[in-house]
Protein backbone atom coordinates (compact mmCIF):
# COMPACT_ATOMS: atom_id res chain seq x y z
CA ALA A 1 43.39 187.73 165.35
CA ARG A 2 40.78 190.23 164.30
CA ILE A 3 39.31 190.93 160.92
CA ILE A 4 38.80 194.62 160.24
CA ASN A 5 35.97 195.78 157.96
CA GLY A 6 34.89 192.19 157.34
CA THR A 7 31.34 190.96 157.06
CA GLU A 8 29.69 188.32 159.19
CA ALA A 9 29.56 184.90 157.54
CA PRO A 10 26.10 183.34 157.86
CA PRO A 11 26.40 179.63 158.79
CA GLU A 12 24.40 178.52 155.77
CA HIS A 13 27.00 179.95 153.37
CA TRP A 14 29.73 177.45 154.32
CA PRO A 15 27.97 174.51 156.00
CA TRP A 16 30.98 172.20 155.62
CA MET A 17 33.25 174.32 157.84
CA VAL A 18 33.84 173.14 161.41
CA ALA A 19 35.72 174.49 164.42
CA ILE A 20 37.83 172.15 166.54
CA TYR A 21 38.22 172.90 170.26
CA ASN A 22 40.68 171.33 172.70
CA PRO A 23 39.70 170.00 176.15
CA ASN A 24 40.15 173.53 177.59
CA ASP A 25 37.50 174.78 175.12
CA THR A 26 40.08 176.76 173.15
CA LEU A 27 39.76 176.94 169.37
CA VAL A 28 42.75 175.10 167.92
CA CYS A 29 41.91 174.34 164.29
CA GLY A 30 39.37 174.46 161.55
CA GLY A 31 38.26 171.59 159.41
CA SER A 32 35.97 170.54 156.59
CA LEU A 33 33.06 168.14 156.87
CA ILE A 34 33.69 165.75 153.97
CA ASN A 35 30.66 163.49 154.53
CA GLU A 36 28.13 162.66 157.26
CA GLN A 37 30.78 161.05 159.48
CA TYR A 38 34.18 162.55 158.70
CA VAL A 39 36.01 165.82 159.23
CA LEU A 40 39.28 166.54 157.46
CA THR A 41 41.82 168.68 159.29
CA ALA A 42 45.58 168.95 159.75
CA ALA A 43 47.39 166.23 161.71
CA HIS A 44 49.13 168.78 163.95
CA CYS A 45 45.76 169.68 165.48
CA PHE A 46 45.89 166.51 167.59
CA ARG A 47 49.64 166.04 167.99
CA ASN A 48 50.35 163.91 171.10
CA GLN A 49 46.75 164.24 172.30
CA ASP A 50 43.67 162.05 172.36
CA PRO A 51 41.24 163.37 169.70
CA ARG A 52 38.30 162.00 171.72
CA LYS A 53 38.94 164.76 174.27
CA PHE A 54 38.30 167.44 171.64
CA SER A 55 35.00 168.76 170.33
CA VAL A 56 33.89 169.65 166.83
CA ARG A 57 31.35 172.43 166.34
CA LEU A 58 29.21 172.92 163.26
CA GLY A 59 26.57 175.42 162.24
CA THR A 60 27.87 178.58 163.89
CA THR A 61 30.15 181.46 163.04
CA LEU A 62 30.38 182.67 166.64
CA ARG A 63 33.21 181.05 168.60
CA THR A 64 31.33 181.56 171.87
CA ASN A 65 28.17 179.80 170.65
CA VAL A 66 28.27 176.30 172.13
CA SER A 67 24.56 175.68 171.66
CA GLN A 68 24.98 174.64 168.03
CA CYS A 69 25.97 171.15 166.94
CA ASN A 70 28.80 170.11 169.28
CA ILE A 71 30.23 166.62 168.60
CA THR A 72 32.92 164.56 170.32
CA PRO A 73 35.11 162.60 167.89
CA HIS A 74 34.92 158.82 168.28
CA ASP A 75 38.10 157.97 166.42
CA SER A 76 40.91 159.49 164.38
CA ASN A 77 43.20 158.47 161.57
CA ILE A 78 46.36 160.56 161.64
CA HIS A 79 48.81 159.95 158.83
């Protein structure tokens, strides 16, 4: 999807927002950093897949920017 006539969102304006990418490096979901260790997102983002194969990116508003904080989840709690 494209946003028309929008304005770029500087990373420092919403530092709790994260992007979640699948093993094919495709954006699948967004999430919210709720403390230093946990991201809250929808359960369907990982349906029938191992969350440790995904990556979580913080600190960027450009989907193609992989040089920012890129973290691999260690565990998940889907309920």
